[in-house]
Amino acid sequence: MSPRHAPLLTLLLALGTVPSLSSADARVRLGDALPAHPWQASASAEGREVVVVYSHDCGDLGDLWQAVLNSDLPVRAVNAEGTPSPAPAGVNPWRGDGATAFARALKVSAYPTVLLVQGDRILNAWEGDFTGKLE
């Protein structure tokens, strides 16, 4: 069976199905520039990429990682709060004080937080547990 690639719209809809979070709860501001980070903006997919900000106490992120990787967009992982936590094979997480400062500058209110960015601007954001299915 070959892996299915989720269209960007499907990923957005699936991530948007988090029932416990209203838009008033999110403190990440759409349209804002990303805080300082160690990577360069992607030249592919019109500069769109996904940034996953997570910590060691997020629980099982397998379904979230699979949905993000199936988006066919470049993926950046930010492992904040000082305790290393794995990312999928092929995704090199940014860790340490700089990663935690990045998350705090974003004003992340819950881990994991998934950002859709273009260039260095935040287009969309989701915070909290991922419960969507890409079917």
N, C-alpha and C. Protein backbone atom coordinates (compact mmCIF):
# COMPACT_ATOMS: atom_id res chain seq x y z
N MET A 1 0.84 -1.17 0.00
CA MET A 1 0.00 0.00 0.00
C MET A 1 0.89 1.24 0.00
N SER A 2 0.65 2.15 -0.91
CA SER A 2 1.47 3.35 -0.98
C SER A 2 0.94 4.41 -0.02
N PRO A 3 1.84 5.25 0.51
CA PRO A 3 1.37 6.27 1.45
C PRO A 3 0.49 7.30 0.75
N ARG A 4 -0.54 7.72 1.44
CA ARG A 4 -1.44 8.74 0.92
C ARG A 4 -0.95 10.11 1.32
N HIS A 5 -0.98 11.02 0.40
CA HIS A 5 -0.60 12.38 0.71
C HIS A 5 -1.86 13.21 0.91
N ALA A 6 -1.90 13.88 2.02
CA ALA A 6 -3.07 14.69 2.34
C ALA A 6 -2.94 16.04 1.66
N PRO A 7 -3.95 16.46 0.95
CA PRO A 7 -3.91 17.80 0.39
C PRO A 7 -3.88 18.82 1.53
N LEU A 8 -3.34 19.97 1.25
CA LEU A 8 -3.21 21.01 2.27
C LEU A 8 -4.55 21.32 2.92
N LEU A 9 -5.62 21.40 2.13
CA LEU A 9 -6.93 21.71 2.69
C LEU A 9 -7.37 20.63 3.68
N THR A 10 -7.11 19.37 3.37
CA THR A 10 -7.48 18.29 4.27
C THR A 10 -6.72 18.41 5.59
N LEU A 11 -5.43 18.73 5.51
CA LEU A 11 -4.65 18.93 6.73
C LEU A 11 -5.22 20.08 7.55
N LEU A 12 -5.54 21.17 6.91
CA LEU A 12 -6.08 22.33 7.62
C LEU A 12 -7.39 21.99 8.30
N LEU A 13 -8.26 21.28 7.58
CA LEU A 13 -9.55 20.91 8.16
C LEU A 13 -9.38 19.93 9.31
N ALA A 14 -8.49 18.96 9.15
CA ALA A 14 -8.28 17.98 10.21
C ALA A 14 -7.71 18.63 11.45
N LEU A 15 -6.75 19.50 11.29
CA LEU A 15 -6.18 20.19 12.45
C LEU A 15 -7.19 21.14 13.08
N GLY A 16 -8.08 21.66 12.28
CA GLY A 16 -9.09 22.58 12.80
C GLY A 16 -10.22 21.91 13.54
N THR A 17 -10.20 20.58 13.65
CA THR A 17 -11.30 19.88 14.32
C THR A 17 -11.09 19.72 15.81
N VAL A 18 -10.12 20.38 16.37
CA VAL A 18 -9.88 20.27 17.81
C VAL A 18 -11.03 20.94 18.54
N PRO A 19 -11.91 20.17 19.22
CA PRO A 19 -13.12 20.72 19.80
C PRO A 19 -12.89 21.54 21.06
N SER A 20 -11.79 21.31 21.77
CA SER A 20 -11.60 21.95 23.07
C SER A 20 -11.00 23.34 22.97
N LEU A 21 -10.74 23.82 21.78
CA LEU A 21 -10.05 25.08 21.64
C LEU A 21 -10.85 26.04 20.78
N SER A 22 -11.17 27.19 21.31
CA SER A 22 -11.83 28.20 20.48
C SER A 22 -10.76 29.17 20.00
N SER A 23 -11.07 29.95 18.99
CA SER A 23 -10.08 30.89 18.48
C SER A 23 -9.71 31.93 19.53
N ALA A 24 -10.56 32.16 20.50
CA ALA A 24 -10.24 33.11 21.56
C ALA A 24 -9.16 32.57 22.49
N ASP A 25 -9.00 31.24 22.55
CA ASP A 25 -7.99 30.64 23.41
C ASP A 25 -6.59 30.76 22.84
N ALA A 26 -6.47 30.81 21.53
CA ALA A 26 -5.16 30.85 20.89
C ALA A 26 -4.54 32.22 21.07
N ARG A 27 -3.28 32.22 21.48
CA ARG A 27 -2.59 33.49 21.65
C ARG A 27 -1.60 33.75 20.53
N VAL A 28 -1.31 32.72 19.74
CA VAL A 28 -0.46 32.92 18.58
C VAL A 28 -1.22 33.81 17.62
N ARG A 29 -0.58 34.85 17.13
CA ARG A 29 -1.29 35.83 16.29
C ARG A 29 -1.05 35.58 14.81
N LEU A 30 -2.15 35.39 14.08
CA LEU A 30 -2.05 35.19 12.64
C LEU A 30 -1.52 36.45 11.99
N GLY A 31 -0.68 36.27 10.99
CA GLY A 31 -0.08 37.39 10.28
C GLY A 31 1.22 37.88 10.89
N ASP A 32 1.49 37.50 12.15
CA ASP A 32 2.74 37.91 12.79
C ASP A 32 3.91 37.17 12.15
N ALA A 33 5.07 37.79 12.27
CA ALA A 33 6.30 37.14 11.83
C ALA A 33 6.74 36.14 12.88
N LEU A 34 7.39 35.07 12.45
CA LEU A 34 7.95 34.11 13.39
C LEU A 34 9.08 34.78 14.18
N PRO A 35 9.24 34.40 15.44
CA PRO A 35 10.41 34.86 16.19
C PRO A 35 11.68 34.30 15.54
N ALA A 36 12.83 34.74 16.00
CA ALA A 36 14.11 34.26 15.47
C ALA A 36 14.18 32.74 15.56
N HIS A 37 14.69 32.13 14.49
CA HIS A 37 14.82 30.67 14.40
C HIS A 37 16.04 30.34 13.56
N PRO A 38 16.51 29.09 13.62
CA PRO A 38 17.76 28.74 12.93
C PRO A 38 17.62 28.27 11.49
N TRP A 39 16.43 28.25 10.92
CA TRP A 39 16.27 27.74 9.55
C TRP A 39 15.92 28.87 8.60
N GLN A 40 16.12 28.59 7.31
CA GLN A 40 15.74 29.54 6.27
C GLN A 40 14.38 29.14 5.72
N ALA A 41 13.58 30.14 5.34
CA ALA A 41 12.26 29.87 4.79
C ALA A 41 12.38 28.98 3.56
N SER A 42 11.40 28.12 3.40
CA SER A 42 11.39 27.17 2.30
C SER A 42 11.13 27.88 0.97
N ALA A 43 11.81 27.41 -0.06
CA ALA A 43 11.59 27.95 -1.40
C ALA A 43 10.52 27.15 -2.14
N SER A 44 10.13 26.00 -1.59
CA SER A 44 9.12 25.16 -2.25
C SER A 44 7.73 25.48 -1.73
N ALA A 45 6.72 24.99 -2.42
CA ALA A 45 5.31 25.14 -2.04
C ALA A 45 4.96 26.60 -1.74
N GLU A 46 5.44 27.49 -2.60
CA GLU A 46 5.18 28.92 -2.45
C GLU A 46 5.65 29.45 -1.10
N GLY A 47 6.70 28.83 -0.56
CA GLY A 47 7.25 29.27 0.72
C GLY A 47 6.46 28.79 1.93
N ARG A 48 5.48 27.92 1.72
CA ARG A 48 4.68 27.41 2.85
C ARG A 48 5.41 26.26 3.51
N GLU A 49 5.30 26.21 4.82
CA GLU A 49 5.83 25.10 5.59
C GLU A 49 5.05 24.97 6.89
N VAL A 50 5.23 23.85 7.54
CA VAL A 50 4.54 23.56 8.79
C VAL A 50 5.59 23.56 9.91
N VAL A 51 5.27 24.26 10.99
CA VAL A 51 6.14 24.29 12.16
C VAL A 51 5.36 23.64 13.30
N VAL A 52 5.92 22.58 13.87
CA VAL A 52 5.30 21.89 15.00
C VAL A 52 6.11 22.23 16.25
N VAL A 53 5.45 22.89 17.20
CA VAL A 53 6.09 23.25 18.47
C VAL A 53 5.52 22.30 19.52
N TYR A 54 6.38 21.52 20.15
CA TYR A 54 5.90 20.50 21.08
C TYR A 54 6.86 20.38 22.26
N SER A 55 6.41 19.68 23.29
CA SER A 55 7.26 19.42 24.44
C SER A 55 7.21 17.94 24.78
N HIS A 56 7.96 17.55 25.78
CA HIS A 56 8.06 16.15 26.18
C HIS A 56 6.76 15.59 26.75
N ASP A 57 5.88 16.43 27.23
CA ASP A 57 4.67 15.94 27.90
C ASP A 57 3.42 16.01 27.02
N CYS A 58 3.60 15.95 25.70
CA CYS A 58 2.47 16.00 24.77
C CYS A 58 1.78 14.67 24.59
N GLY A 59 2.38 13.60 25.06
CA GLY A 59 1.79 12.29 24.82
C GLY A 59 2.16 11.78 23.44
N ASP A 60 1.36 10.87 22.92
CA ASP A 60 1.63 10.25 21.63
C ASP A 60 1.24 11.21 20.51
N LEU A 61 2.22 11.64 19.75
CA LEU A 61 1.98 12.56 18.63
C LEU A 61 2.01 11.85 17.28
N GLY A 62 1.92 10.52 17.30
CA GLY A 62 2.03 9.77 16.06
C GLY A 62 1.06 10.20 14.98
N ASP A 63 -0.22 10.35 15.31
CA ASP A 63 -1.21 10.75 14.31
C ASP A 63 -0.96 12.17 13.82
N LEU A 64 -0.57 13.05 14.72
CA LEU A 64 -0.27 14.42 14.32
C LEU A 64 0.92 14.45 13.37
N TRP A 65 2.01 13.77 13.75
CA TRP A 65 3.18 13.76 12.87
C TRP A 65 2.82 13.19 11.51
N GLN A 66 2.02 12.12 11.48
CA GLN A 66 1.67 11.52 10.20
C GLN A 66 0.88 12.51 9.33
N ALA A 67 -0.08 13.22 9.92
CA ALA A 67 -0.86 14.20 9.17
C ALA A 67 0.03 15.32 8.64
N VAL A 68 0.94 15.78 9.47
CA VAL A 68 1.84 16.87 9.07
C VAL A 68 2.76 16.40 7.94
N LEU A 69 3.34 15.23 8.09
CA LEU A 69 4.25 14.72 7.06
C LEU A 69 3.52 14.44 5.76
N ASN A 70 2.25 14.03 5.82
CA ASN A 70 1.47 13.77 4.61
C ASN A 70 1.06 15.03 3.88
N SER A 71 1.28 16.19 4.47
CA SER A 71 0.89 17.44 3.82
C SER A 71 1.76 17.79 2.63
N ASP A 72 2.89 17.10 2.49
CA ASP A 72 3.87 17.38 1.43
C ASP A 72 4.48 18.77 1.54
N LEU A 73 4.41 19.37 2.71
CA LEU A 73 5.07 20.65 2.97
C LEU A 73 6.32 20.39 3.81
N PRO A 74 7.31 21.27 3.70
CA PRO A 74 8.46 21.14 4.59
C PRO A 74 8.00 21.25 6.04
N VAL A 75 8.61 20.45 6.91
CA VAL A 75 8.22 20.40 8.32
C VAL A 75 9.39 20.82 9.19
N ARG A 76 9.13 21.74 10.11
CA ARG A 76 10.10 22.18 11.12
C ARG A 76 9.58 21.72 12.47
N ALA A 77 10.44 21.14 13.27
CA ALA A 77 10.07 20.68 14.61
C ALA A 77 10.80 21.52 15.64
N VAL A 78 10.05 22.01 16.62
CA VAL A 78 10.62 22.80 17.70
C VAL A 78 10.28 22.08 19.01
N ASN A 79 11.28 21.46 19.61
CA ASN A 79 11.11 20.70 20.86
C ASN A 79 11.46 21.64 22.02
N ALA A 80 10.43 22.25 22.60
CA ALA A 80 10.62 23.27 23.63
C ALA A 80 10.59 22.67 25.03
N GLU A 81 10.96 23.46 25.99
CA GLU A 81 10.87 23.20 27.43
C GLU A 81 11.93 22.27 27.98
N GLY A 82 13.04 22.11 27.27
CA GLY A 82 14.23 21.52 27.86
C GLY A 82 14.36 20.01 27.94
N THR A 83 13.31 19.24 27.83
CA THR A 83 13.42 17.79 27.89
C THR A 83 13.29 17.23 26.48
N PRO A 84 14.33 16.57 25.97
CA PRO A 84 14.26 16.06 24.60
C PRO A 84 13.12 15.08 24.39
N SER A 85 12.47 15.22 23.26
CA SER A 85 11.39 14.34 22.85
C SER A 85 11.58 14.07 21.36
N PRO A 86 11.34 12.85 20.91
CA PRO A 86 11.66 12.51 19.53
C PRO A 86 10.72 13.15 18.51
N ALA A 87 11.23 13.23 17.31
CA ALA A 87 10.45 13.64 16.14
C ALA A 87 10.57 12.48 15.15
N PRO A 88 9.73 12.46 14.12
CA PRO A 88 9.81 11.36 13.15
C PRO A 88 11.16 11.34 12.43
N ALA A 89 11.49 10.18 11.89
CA ALA A 89 12.72 10.04 11.10
C ALA A 89 12.72 11.07 9.99
N GLY A 90 13.85 11.70 9.80
CA GLY A 90 13.99 12.69 8.75
C GLY A 90 13.64 14.11 9.18
N VAL A 91 13.10 14.27 10.38
CA VAL A 91 12.77 15.60 10.91
C VAL A 91 13.75 15.87 12.05
N ASN A 92 14.56 16.90 11.90
CA ASN A 92 15.57 17.24 12.89
C ASN A 92 15.03 18.32 13.82
N PRO A 93 14.65 17.96 15.06
CA PRO A 93 14.06 18.97 15.94
C PRO A 93 15.09 19.98 16.46
N TRP A 94 14.63 21.21 16.59
CA TRP A 94 15.42 22.26 17.23
C TRP A 94 15.13 22.16 18.71
N ARG A 95 16.17 22.09 19.52
CA ARG A 95 16.02 21.93 20.97
C ARG A 95 16.84 22.97 21.69
N GLY A 96 16.60 23.06 22.99
CA GLY A 96 17.41 23.91 23.84
C GLY A 96 16.73 25.21 24.20
N ASP A 97 17.53 26.10 24.78
CA ASP A 97 17.00 27.38 25.25
C ASP A 97 16.40 28.21 24.12
N GLY A 98 17.03 28.16 22.94
CA GLY A 98 16.52 28.93 21.81
C GLY A 98 15.14 28.45 21.37
N ALA A 99 14.93 27.13 21.38
CA ALA A 99 13.63 26.57 21.01
C ALA A 99 12.56 26.97 22.01
N THR A 100 12.89 26.94 23.30
CA THR A 100 11.94 27.35 24.33
C THR A 100 11.64 28.84 24.21
N ALA A 101 12.66 29.65 23.95
CA ALA A 101 12.45 31.10 23.77
C ALA A 101 11.55 31.36 22.56
N PHE A 102 11.72 30.59 21.49
CA PHE A 102 10.88 30.70 20.30
C PHE A 102 9.42 30.45 20.66
N ALA A 103 9.15 29.35 21.38
CA ALA A 103 7.78 29.01 21.78
C ALA A 103 7.18 30.09 22.66
N ARG A 104 7.94 30.59 23.57
CA ARG A 104 7.43 31.63 24.48
C ARG A 104 7.22 32.95 23.77
N ALA A 105 8.07 33.27 22.81
CA ALA A 105 7.87 34.50 22.03
C ALA A 105 6.61 34.42 21.18
N LEU A 106 6.26 33.20 20.74
CA LEU A 106 5.01 33.00 20.00
C LEU A 106 3.79 33.13 20.90
N LYS A 107 4.00 33.00 22.21
CA LYS A 107 2.93 32.98 23.20
C LYS A 107 2.06 31.74 23.04
N VAL A 108 2.74 30.62 22.82
CA VAL A 108 2.06 29.33 22.72
C VAL A 108 1.35 29.06 24.03
N SER A 109 0.07 28.71 23.96
CA SER A 109 -0.70 28.44 25.19
C SER A 109 -0.86 26.95 25.45
N ALA A 110 -0.56 26.10 24.47
CA ALA A 110 -0.67 24.65 24.66
C ALA A 110 0.27 23.96 23.68
N TYR A 111 0.82 22.85 24.14
CA TYR A 111 1.61 22.00 23.26
C TYR A 111 0.79 20.78 22.92
N PRO A 112 0.84 20.28 21.73
CA PRO A 112 1.58 20.81 20.60
C PRO A 112 0.85 21.99 19.96
N THR A 113 1.62 22.83 19.31
CA THR A 113 1.07 23.90 18.48
C THR A 113 1.60 23.68 17.07
N VAL A 114 0.70 23.74 16.11
CA VAL A 114 1.06 23.55 14.71
C VAL A 114 0.80 24.86 13.98
N LEU A 115 1.83 25.34 13.30
CA LEU A 115 1.72 26.60 12.56
C LEU A 115 1.87 26.33 11.07
N LEU A 116 1.01 26.92 10.29
CA LEU A 116 1.19 26.96 8.84
C LEU A 116 1.78 28.32 8.57
N VAL A 117 2.98 28.34 8.00
CA VAL A 117 3.64 29.62 7.75
C VAL A 117 3.97 29.74 6.27
N GLN A 118 4.07 30.97 5.85
CA GLN A 118 4.53 31.26 4.49
C GLN A 118 5.61 32.32 4.62
N GLY A 119 6.80 31.98 4.13
CA GLY A 119 7.93 32.85 4.41
C GLY A 119 8.16 32.80 5.91
N ASP A 120 8.05 33.90 6.56
CA ASP A 120 8.16 33.94 8.02
C ASP A 120 6.87 34.44 8.67
N ARG A 121 5.76 34.42 7.95
CA ARG A 121 4.47 34.89 8.48
C ARG A 121 3.55 33.72 8.83
N ILE A 122 2.87 33.83 9.94
CA ILE A 122 1.95 32.79 10.40
C ILE A 122 0.62 32.94 9.66
N LEU A 123 0.24 31.90 8.90
CA LEU A 123 -1.02 31.91 8.17
C LEU A 123 -2.15 31.30 8.99
N ASN A 124 -1.82 30.26 9.76
CA ASN A 124 -2.83 29.59 10.57
C ASN A 124 -2.14 28.91 11.73
N ALA A 125 -2.88 28.65 12.81
CA ALA A 125 -2.31 28.03 14.00
C ALA A 125 -3.35 27.17 14.69
N TRP A 126 -2.88 26.05 15.26
CA TRP A 126 -3.72 25.17 16.05
C TRP A 126 -2.95 24.83 17.31
N GLU A 127 -3.65 24.82 18.43
CA GLU A 127 -3.01 24.48 19.70
C GLU A 127 -3.82 23.40 20.40
N GLY A 128 -3.14 22.47 21.03
CA GLY A 128 -3.81 21.44 21.80
C GLY A 128 -3.73 20.08 21.17
N ASP A 129 -4.55 19.16 21.63
CA ASP A 129 -4.53 17.78 21.18
C ASP A 129 -5.08 17.65 19.76
N PHE A 130 -4.44 16.80 19.00
CA PHE A 130 -4.87 16.50 17.62
C PHE A 130 -5.79 15.29 17.65
N THR A 131 -7.02 15.46 17.16
CA THR A 131 -7.96 14.35 17.13
C THR A 131 -8.53 14.10 15.74
N GLY A 132 -8.06 14.83 14.74
CA GLY A 132 -8.59 14.67 13.39
C GLY A 132 -8.10 13.42 12.70
N LYS A 133 -8.82 12.97 11.70
CA LYS A 133 -8.43 11.84 10.89
C LYS A 133 -8.40 12.28 9.45
N LEU A 134 -7.41 11.81 8.72
CA LEU A 134 -7.30 12.17 7.32
C LEU A 134 -7.81 11.03 6.46
N GLU A 135 -9.13 10.92 6.40
CA GLU A 135 -9.74 9.86 5.60
C GLU A 135 -10.74 10.46 4.65
